[in-house]
N, C-alpha and C. Protein backbone atom coordinates (compact mmCIF):
# COMPACT_ATOMS: atom_id res chain seq x y z
N MET A 1 0.90 -1.17 0.00
CA MET A 1 0.10 -0.02 0.00
C MET A 1 0.92 1.29 0.04
N SER A 2 0.56 2.24 -0.91
CA SER A 2 1.42 3.50 -0.94
C SER A 2 1.13 4.27 0.32
N ASN A 3 2.06 5.30 0.60
CA ASN A 3 1.81 6.13 1.73
C ASN A 3 0.53 7.01 1.49
N GLN A 4 0.13 7.36 0.24
CA GLN A 4 -0.99 8.21 -0.09
C GLN A 4 -2.21 7.31 0.28
N GLU A 5 -2.23 6.03 -0.20
CA GLU A 5 -3.37 5.15 0.27
C GLU A 5 -3.46 5.00 1.77
N ASN A 6 -2.30 4.81 2.38
CA ASN A 6 -2.43 4.55 3.83
C ASN A 6 -2.80 5.82 4.54
N GLU A 7 -2.37 7.02 4.08
CA GLU A 7 -2.84 8.35 4.62
C GLU A 7 -4.35 8.54 4.47
N ASN A 8 -4.91 8.10 3.33
CA ASN A 8 -6.27 8.17 3.13
C ASN A 8 -7.17 7.32 3.87
N ARG A 9 -6.54 6.10 4.36
CA ARG A 9 -7.32 5.16 5.07
C ARG A 9 -7.20 5.44 6.50
N SER A 10 -6.21 6.20 6.97
CA SER A 10 -5.85 6.35 8.35
C SER A 10 -6.65 7.62 8.91
N PRO A 11 -6.97 7.71 10.11
CA PRO A 11 -7.54 9.00 10.63
C PRO A 11 -6.61 10.18 10.41
N GLN A 12 -7.01 11.15 9.84
CA GLN A 12 -6.09 12.26 9.46
C GLN A 12 -5.75 13.19 10.63
N ASN A 13 -6.78 13.57 11.25
CA ASN A 13 -6.55 14.52 12.36
C ASN A 13 -7.31 14.18 13.62
N LYS A 14 -6.61 14.09 14.66
CA LYS A 14 -7.20 13.70 16.01
C LYS A 14 -6.66 14.59 17.06
N LEU A 15 -7.36 14.78 18.03
CA LEU A 15 -6.99 15.53 19.33
C LEU A 15 -6.67 14.53 20.28
N VAL A 16 -5.59 14.86 20.99
CA VAL A 16 -5.41 14.10 22.40
C VAL A 16 -5.58 15.13 23.34
N VAL A 17 -5.96 14.75 24.58
CA VAL A 17 -6.03 15.71 25.67
C VAL A 17 -5.12 15.25 26.73
N PHE A 18 -4.43 16.36 27.12
CA PHE A 18 -3.37 16.20 28.21
C PHE A 18 -3.66 17.36 29.16
N HIS A 19 -3.89 17.05 30.47
CA HIS A 19 -4.09 18.17 31.44
C HIS A 19 -5.15 19.01 30.93
N ASP A 20 -6.22 18.54 30.41
CA ASP A 20 -7.41 19.32 29.99
C ASP A 20 -7.03 20.23 28.81
N LYS A 21 -5.93 20.01 28.09
CA LYS A 21 -5.64 20.86 27.05
C LYS A 21 -5.50 19.90 25.79
N GLU A 22 -5.90 20.43 24.64
CA GLU A 22 -5.96 19.68 23.35
C GLU A 22 -4.59 19.81 22.65
N ILE A 23 -4.05 18.57 22.17
CA ILE A 23 -2.83 18.74 21.38
C ILE A 23 -3.27 17.87 20.09
N ARG A 24 -2.98 18.77 19.06
CA ARG A 24 -3.40 18.28 17.60
C ARG A 24 -2.40 17.28 17.25
N ARG A 25 -2.93 16.16 16.42
CA ARG A 25 -1.94 15.29 15.86
C ARG A 25 -2.53 14.85 14.54
N SER A 26 -1.67 14.43 13.70
CA SER A 26 -2.05 13.90 12.26
C SER A 26 -1.26 12.80 11.94
N TRP A 27 -1.81 11.86 11.18
CA TRP A 27 -1.12 10.60 10.73
C TRP A 27 -0.30 11.04 9.44
N TYR A 28 1.01 10.88 9.53
CA TYR A 28 1.93 11.25 8.54
C TYR A 28 3.01 10.31 8.51
N LYS A 29 3.44 9.84 7.24
CA LYS A 29 4.51 8.92 7.17
C LYS A 29 4.40 7.74 8.07
N ASP A 30 3.25 7.10 8.10
CA ASP A 30 2.93 5.93 8.90
C ASP A 30 3.17 5.96 10.34
N GLU A 31 2.95 7.27 10.91
CA GLU A 31 2.97 7.42 12.40
C GLU A 31 2.40 8.66 12.79
N TRP A 32 2.06 8.85 14.04
CA TRP A 32 1.37 10.04 14.51
C TRP A 32 2.42 11.19 14.69
N TYR A 33 2.07 12.43 14.16
CA TYR A 33 2.95 13.58 14.39
C TYR A 33 1.96 14.55 15.18
N TYR A 34 2.70 15.12 16.17
CA TYR A 34 2.05 16.02 17.12
C TYR A 34 2.38 17.51 16.99
N SER A 35 1.56 18.38 17.11
CA SER A 35 1.85 19.81 17.00
C SER A 35 2.84 20.20 18.17
N LEU A 36 4.02 20.67 17.83
CA LEU A 36 4.99 21.06 18.82
C LEU A 36 4.58 22.22 19.64
N VAL A 37 3.94 23.20 18.98
CA VAL A 37 3.32 24.44 19.67
C VAL A 37 2.26 24.14 20.67
N ASP A 38 1.43 23.08 20.42
CA ASP A 38 0.52 22.58 21.36
C ASP A 38 1.10 22.02 22.50
N ILE A 39 2.14 21.29 22.31
CA ILE A 39 2.92 20.60 23.43
C ILE A 39 3.54 21.69 24.24
N VAL A 40 4.12 22.63 23.70
CA VAL A 40 4.71 23.75 24.40
C VAL A 40 3.65 24.50 25.18
N ALA A 41 2.59 24.70 24.60
CA ALA A 41 1.46 25.34 25.33
C ALA A 41 0.97 24.67 26.54
N VAL A 42 0.96 23.38 26.48
CA VAL A 42 0.56 22.53 27.68
C VAL A 42 1.60 22.54 28.75
N LEU A 43 2.76 22.27 28.35
CA LEU A 43 3.92 22.10 29.31
C LEU A 43 4.41 23.48 29.86
N SER A 44 4.50 24.39 29.06
CA SER A 44 5.10 25.65 29.51
C SER A 44 4.06 26.60 30.19
N GLU A 45 2.93 26.47 29.91
CA GLU A 45 1.76 27.35 30.27
C GLU A 45 2.02 28.80 29.84
N SER A 46 2.82 28.96 28.67
CA SER A 46 3.01 30.28 28.25
C SER A 46 1.74 30.86 27.44
N LYS A 47 1.63 32.14 27.62
CA LYS A 47 0.49 32.76 26.94
C LYS A 47 0.61 32.86 25.41
N ASN A 48 1.92 32.80 25.04
CA ASN A 48 2.21 32.77 23.56
C ASN A 48 3.18 31.56 23.21
N PRO A 49 2.75 30.34 23.09
CA PRO A 49 3.53 29.15 22.97
C PRO A 49 4.39 29.21 21.63
N THR A 50 3.97 29.87 20.64
CA THR A 50 4.73 30.00 19.40
C THR A 50 6.03 30.85 19.65
N ASP A 51 5.93 31.90 20.41
CA ASP A 51 7.13 32.77 20.79
C ASP A 51 7.99 31.92 21.76
N TYR A 52 7.46 31.29 22.66
CA TYR A 52 8.12 30.45 23.68
C TYR A 52 8.92 29.44 22.86
N LEU A 53 8.33 28.83 21.91
CA LEU A 53 9.13 27.74 21.12
C LEU A 53 10.29 28.41 20.24
N LYS A 54 10.02 29.67 19.88
CA LYS A 54 11.04 30.34 19.13
C LYS A 54 12.28 30.68 20.05
N LYS A 55 11.87 31.09 21.26
CA LYS A 55 12.91 31.44 22.29
C LYS A 55 13.76 30.38 22.74
N ILE A 56 13.12 29.11 22.96
CA ILE A 56 13.94 28.05 23.42
C ILE A 56 14.79 27.53 22.29
N ARG A 57 14.29 27.68 21.03
CA ARG A 57 15.13 27.23 19.85
C ARG A 57 16.30 28.25 19.75
N LYS A 58 16.13 29.43 20.02
CA LYS A 58 17.20 30.40 19.93
C LYS A 58 18.27 30.12 21.10
N ARG A 59 17.69 29.78 22.16
CA ARG A 59 18.51 29.57 23.44
C ARG A 59 19.24 28.27 23.36
N ASP A 60 18.88 27.28 22.64
CA ASP A 60 19.35 25.85 22.61
C ASP A 60 19.69 25.53 21.01
N GLU A 61 20.87 25.82 20.59
CA GLU A 61 21.28 25.62 19.32
C GLU A 61 21.16 24.14 18.72
N GLU A 62 21.29 23.24 19.63
CA GLU A 62 21.28 21.74 19.27
C GLU A 62 19.74 21.50 19.07
N LEU A 63 18.83 22.04 19.87
CA LEU A 63 17.41 21.86 19.69
C LEU A 63 17.03 22.57 18.36
N LYS A 64 17.47 23.74 18.15
CA LYS A 64 17.08 24.32 16.90
C LYS A 64 17.59 23.51 15.69
N ASN A 65 18.80 22.93 15.70
CA ASN A 65 19.24 22.15 14.61
C ASN A 65 18.42 20.82 14.50
N TYR A 66 18.06 20.30 15.60
CA TYR A 66 17.29 19.01 15.62
C TYR A 66 15.98 19.27 15.11
N ILE A 67 15.20 20.31 15.60
CA ILE A 67 13.90 20.53 15.09
C ILE A 67 13.92 20.77 13.58
N GLY A 68 14.98 21.69 13.23
CA GLY A 68 15.02 22.21 11.79
C GLY A 68 15.22 20.97 10.90
N THR A 69 15.93 19.97 11.37
CA THR A 69 16.23 18.88 10.58
C THR A 69 15.28 17.70 10.60
N ASN A 70 14.62 17.55 11.65
CA ASN A 70 13.78 16.30 11.92
C ASN A 70 12.24 16.64 11.97
N CYS A 71 11.84 17.82 12.17
CA CYS A 71 10.42 18.08 12.37
C CYS A 71 9.78 18.83 11.14
N PRO A 72 8.94 18.00 10.47
CA PRO A 72 8.26 18.62 9.28
C PRO A 72 7.00 19.56 9.64
N GLN A 73 6.67 20.26 8.57
CA GLN A 73 5.38 21.01 8.61
C GLN A 73 4.28 20.10 8.13
N VAL A 74 3.25 19.75 8.99
CA VAL A 74 2.31 18.78 8.64
C VAL A 74 0.86 19.50 8.80
N LYS A 75 0.08 19.23 7.84
CA LYS A 75 -1.29 19.88 7.81
C LYS A 75 -2.00 19.45 8.96
N MET A 76 -2.55 20.40 9.80
CA MET A 76 -3.38 20.10 10.95
C MET A 76 -4.61 21.11 10.90
N GLN A 77 -5.60 20.68 11.55
CA GLN A 77 -6.83 21.63 11.58
C GLN A 77 -6.63 22.65 12.66
N THR A 78 -6.88 23.92 12.41
CA THR A 78 -6.85 24.87 13.41
C THR A 78 -8.14 25.02 14.10
N SER A 79 -8.23 25.76 15.18
CA SER A 79 -9.38 26.04 15.90
C SER A 79 -10.56 26.46 14.97
N SER A 80 -10.15 27.26 14.03
CA SER A 80 -11.31 27.88 13.08
C SER A 80 -11.72 26.86 12.05
N GLY A 81 -11.08 25.59 12.08
CA GLY A 81 -11.45 24.62 11.17
C GLY A 81 -10.58 24.51 9.86
N LYS A 82 -9.73 25.40 9.70
CA LYS A 82 -8.89 25.49 8.50
C LYS A 82 -7.59 24.60 8.61
N ASN A 83 -7.20 23.89 7.54
CA ASN A 83 -6.04 23.19 7.59
C ASN A 83 -4.76 24.17 7.36
N ARG A 84 -3.81 23.99 8.30
CA ARG A 84 -2.65 24.72 8.06
C ARG A 84 -1.42 23.92 8.40
N LYS A 85 -0.33 24.23 7.75
CA LYS A 85 0.82 23.44 7.95
C LYS A 85 1.41 23.88 9.33
N THR A 86 1.70 22.92 10.19
CA THR A 86 2.11 23.06 11.55
C THR A 86 3.33 22.45 11.83
N LEU A 87 4.27 23.12 12.59
CA LEU A 87 5.49 22.36 12.93
C LEU A 87 5.17 21.17 13.81
N SER A 88 5.65 19.91 13.36
CA SER A 88 5.19 18.78 14.04
C SER A 88 6.28 17.82 14.23
N GLY A 89 6.11 16.88 15.18
CA GLY A 89 7.17 15.88 15.44
C GLY A 89 6.55 14.62 15.96
N ASN A 90 7.28 13.51 15.56
CA ASN A 90 6.84 12.16 16.17
C ASN A 90 7.11 11.98 17.59
N SER A 91 6.95 10.85 18.16
CA SER A 91 7.24 10.66 19.47
C SER A 91 8.52 11.07 19.90
N LYS A 92 9.57 10.55 19.19
CA LYS A 92 10.90 10.79 19.54
C LYS A 92 11.21 12.32 19.62
N ASP A 93 10.69 13.06 18.56
CA ASP A 93 10.92 14.54 18.51
C ASP A 93 10.22 15.17 19.72
N VAL A 94 9.13 14.73 20.06
CA VAL A 94 8.42 15.26 21.22
C VAL A 94 9.22 15.03 22.56
N PHE A 95 9.78 13.79 22.62
CA PHE A 95 10.59 13.56 23.84
C PHE A 95 11.76 14.55 23.83
N ARG A 96 12.29 14.83 22.71
CA ARG A 96 13.53 15.76 22.61
C ARG A 96 13.03 17.09 23.05
N LEU A 97 12.02 17.53 22.59
CA LEU A 97 11.42 18.82 22.90
C LEU A 97 11.17 18.96 24.32
N ILE A 98 10.54 17.99 25.00
CA ILE A 98 10.22 18.01 26.42
C ILE A 98 11.51 18.22 27.19
N GLN A 99 12.52 17.63 26.73
CA GLN A 99 13.79 17.72 27.55
C GLN A 99 14.26 19.15 27.70
N SER A 100 13.90 20.13 26.87
CA SER A 100 14.26 21.42 26.62
C SER A 100 13.50 22.39 27.37
N ILE A 101 12.25 22.00 27.92
CA ILE A 101 11.31 22.82 28.52
C ILE A 101 11.46 22.84 30.12
N PRO A 102 11.95 23.92 30.56
CA PRO A 102 12.13 24.03 32.06
C PRO A 102 10.68 24.19 32.73
N SER A 103 10.06 23.20 33.26
CA SER A 103 8.74 23.31 33.79
C SER A 103 8.57 22.12 34.71
N LYS A 104 7.68 22.43 35.72
CA LYS A 104 7.32 21.45 36.73
C LYS A 104 6.52 20.27 35.97
N LYS A 105 5.83 20.67 34.99
CA LYS A 105 5.01 19.61 34.24
C LYS A 105 5.86 18.65 33.47
N THR A 106 7.06 19.09 33.05
CA THR A 106 8.01 18.17 32.34
C THR A 106 8.79 17.22 33.15
N GLU A 107 8.78 17.54 34.46
CA GLU A 107 9.79 16.68 35.26
C GLU A 107 9.22 15.17 35.42
N PRO A 108 7.94 14.91 35.47
CA PRO A 108 7.61 13.45 35.41
C PRO A 108 7.97 12.74 34.04
N PHE A 109 7.79 13.48 32.92
CA PHE A 109 8.36 12.97 31.62
C PHE A 109 9.78 12.65 31.70
N LYS A 110 10.58 13.66 32.22
CA LYS A 110 12.00 13.51 32.28
C LYS A 110 12.46 12.47 33.00
N GLN A 111 11.84 12.09 34.25
CA GLN A 111 12.11 11.08 35.17
C GLN A 111 11.75 9.67 34.54
N TRP A 112 10.62 9.72 33.87
CA TRP A 112 10.11 8.43 33.05
C TRP A 112 11.13 8.15 32.05
N LEU A 113 11.68 9.14 31.19
CA LEU A 113 12.56 8.79 30.22
C LEU A 113 13.89 8.30 30.73
N ALA A 114 14.31 8.83 31.78
CA ALA A 114 15.56 8.43 32.49
C ALA A 114 15.41 6.91 32.89
N GLN A 115 14.22 6.68 33.46
CA GLN A 115 13.94 5.24 33.99
C GLN A 115 13.93 4.27 32.78
N VAL A 116 13.22 4.68 31.83
CA VAL A 116 13.28 3.77 30.57
C VAL A 116 14.64 3.63 30.00
N GLY A 117 15.43 4.65 29.99
CA GLY A 117 16.79 4.57 29.44
C GLY A 117 17.63 3.66 30.30
N LYS A 118 17.54 3.77 31.48
CA LYS A 118 18.23 2.90 32.62
C LYS A 118 17.76 1.42 32.29
N GLU A 119 16.49 1.19 32.11
CA GLU A 119 16.02 -0.25 32.00
C GLU A 119 16.49 -0.81 30.67
N ARG A 120 16.69 0.09 29.61
CA ARG A 120 17.07 -0.55 28.30
C ARG A 120 18.68 -0.79 28.45
N LEU A 121 19.40 0.07 29.11
CA LEU A 121 20.77 -0.23 29.29
C LEU A 121 20.95 -1.43 30.09
N ASP A 122 20.14 -1.67 31.23
CA ASP A 122 20.24 -2.97 31.95
C ASP A 122 20.00 -4.10 31.04
N GLU A 123 18.97 -3.96 30.12
CA GLU A 123 18.64 -5.17 29.20
C GLU A 123 19.76 -5.46 28.20
N ILE A 124 20.53 -4.47 27.97
CA ILE A 124 21.73 -4.70 26.98
C ILE A 124 22.79 -5.47 27.82
N GLU A 125 22.89 -5.24 29.09
CA GLU A 125 23.81 -6.04 29.88
C GLU A 125 23.35 -7.47 30.14
N ASN A 126 21.94 -7.50 30.34
CA ASN A 126 21.34 -8.83 30.67
C ASN A 126 20.10 -9.06 29.82
N PRO A 127 20.18 -9.63 28.71
CA PRO A 127 19.06 -9.83 27.69
C PRO A 127 17.91 -10.47 28.37
N GLU A 128 17.96 -11.26 29.46
CA GLU A 128 16.87 -11.91 30.05
C GLU A 128 15.91 -10.86 30.53
N LEU A 129 16.40 -9.80 31.00
CA LEU A 129 15.48 -8.70 31.54
C LEU A 129 14.48 -8.30 30.39
N ALA A 130 14.97 -8.08 29.21
CA ALA A 130 14.03 -7.85 28.00
C ALA A 130 13.00 -8.93 27.92
N GLN A 131 13.36 -10.11 27.99
CA GLN A 131 12.40 -11.22 27.88
C GLN A 131 11.38 -11.17 28.95
N GLU A 132 11.74 -10.91 30.20
CA GLU A 132 10.93 -10.75 31.30
C GLU A 132 9.96 -9.53 31.22
N ARG A 133 10.54 -8.46 30.67
CA ARG A 133 9.61 -7.29 30.55
C ARG A 133 8.52 -7.57 29.35
N MET A 134 8.95 -8.28 28.28
CA MET A 134 8.02 -8.61 27.23
C MET A 134 6.96 -9.63 27.77
N LYS A 135 7.31 -10.43 28.64
CA LYS A 135 6.35 -11.43 29.17
C LYS A 135 5.36 -10.64 30.11
N SER A 136 5.95 -9.71 30.82
CA SER A 136 5.01 -8.89 31.68
C SER A 136 4.14 -8.05 30.87
N ILE A 137 4.45 -7.41 29.84
CA ILE A 137 3.65 -6.70 29.01
C ILE A 137 2.52 -7.53 28.37
N TYR A 138 2.82 -8.69 27.90
CA TYR A 138 1.73 -9.57 27.35
C TYR A 138 0.84 -9.92 28.34
N GLU A 139 1.27 -10.16 29.68
CA GLU A 139 0.32 -10.54 30.90
C GLU A 139 -0.56 -9.44 31.13
N GLN A 140 0.11 -8.03 31.10
CA GLN A 140 -0.75 -6.95 31.45
C GLN A 140 -1.74 -6.67 30.36
N LYS A 141 -1.51 -7.08 29.11
CA LYS A 141 -2.43 -6.94 28.03
C LYS A 141 -3.58 -8.03 28.03
N GLY A 142 -3.39 -9.11 28.95
CA GLY A 142 -4.35 -10.03 29.14
C GLY A 142 -4.26 -11.29 28.26
N TYR A 143 -3.08 -11.50 27.69
CA TYR A 143 -2.93 -12.76 26.89
C TYR A 143 -2.78 -13.92 27.85
N PRO A 144 -3.29 -15.07 27.41
CA PRO A 144 -3.28 -16.21 28.21
C PRO A 144 -1.80 -16.73 28.33
N GLN A 145 -1.54 -17.37 29.37
CA GLN A 145 -0.10 -17.85 29.80
C GLN A 145 0.33 -18.82 28.73
N ASP A 146 -0.45 -19.73 28.22
CA ASP A 146 0.02 -20.63 27.14
C ASP A 146 0.44 -19.93 25.93
N TRP A 147 -0.35 -18.91 25.49
CA TRP A 147 0.04 -18.18 24.35
C TRP A 147 1.30 -17.44 24.53
N ILE A 148 1.47 -16.90 25.72
CA ILE A 148 2.76 -16.11 25.94
C ILE A 148 3.99 -17.14 25.85
N ASP A 149 3.84 -18.30 26.47
CA ASP A 149 4.87 -19.28 26.43
C ASP A 149 5.20 -19.78 25.02
N LYS A 150 4.10 -19.93 24.21
CA LYS A 150 4.27 -20.30 22.77
C LYS A 150 5.10 -19.22 22.08
N ARG A 151 4.71 -17.98 22.33
CA ARG A 151 5.22 -16.82 21.66
C ARG A 151 6.79 -16.79 21.96
N LEU A 152 7.13 -16.88 23.26
CA LEU A 152 8.47 -16.82 23.74
C LEU A 152 9.27 -17.92 23.05
N ARG A 153 8.74 -19.21 23.03
CA ARG A 153 9.36 -20.23 22.42
C ARG A 153 9.58 -20.00 20.84
N GLY A 154 8.58 -19.52 20.29
CA GLY A 154 8.66 -19.21 18.78
C GLY A 154 9.75 -18.30 18.54
N ILE A 155 9.90 -17.23 19.33
CA ILE A 155 11.06 -16.29 19.20
C ILE A 155 12.26 -16.88 19.33
N ALA A 156 12.48 -17.80 20.39
CA ALA A 156 13.73 -18.39 20.64
C ALA A 156 14.10 -19.35 19.48
N ILE A 157 13.13 -20.12 18.95
CA ILE A 157 13.44 -20.92 17.86
C ILE A 157 13.82 -20.08 16.51
N ARG A 158 13.08 -18.98 16.36
CA ARG A 158 13.45 -18.13 15.24
C ARG A 158 14.81 -17.62 15.30
N GLN A 159 15.24 -17.29 16.58
CA GLN A 159 16.64 -16.69 16.80
C GLN A 159 17.65 -17.75 16.49
N ASN A 160 17.40 -18.99 16.96
CA ASN A 160 18.36 -20.10 16.79
C ASN A 160 18.43 -20.46 15.24
N LEU A 161 17.35 -20.40 14.50
CA LEU A 161 17.52 -20.70 13.01
C LEU A 161 18.16 -19.52 12.41
N THR A 162 18.02 -18.29 12.73
CA THR A 162 18.73 -17.21 12.18
C THR A 162 20.19 -17.26 12.43
N ASP A 163 20.41 -17.60 13.68
CA ASP A 163 21.95 -17.79 14.03
C ASP A 163 22.65 -18.79 13.03
N GLU A 164 21.91 -19.94 12.85
CA GLU A 164 22.49 -20.98 11.93
C GLU A 164 22.47 -20.46 10.58
């Protein structure tokens, strides 16, 4: 399926709500892209989030280069119902932006990112931890234990075959 067909079949514009504020998002290149200005508005509580984003980009040269290279302008619906190109980012881009916003609201995200990073580094040292995490996630999603066991065996068999 081409990107255009996929974009036509996927929900184009959706709003997500965070702390009672709306964040626009749009399906673009096979993943969700979020309005960076909306995220700044929610996390910084600035009266003018567009100016706030410009200021933090001026203050942080690496962020400016990162956003300029990685964050496209994606059409999103404005509050007046018009479609306008909006500076947008995928999940990775959003996490990069969050790291640059000095706010009490961003602190939980920063702590969560640090925890996830630590866990992934631990999994590199001990791959069994990754398998345990996967098993736990499947259990949380409600998969039956026999399905989980078969899935893990299937992955192990596939890895052995790939190694050979």
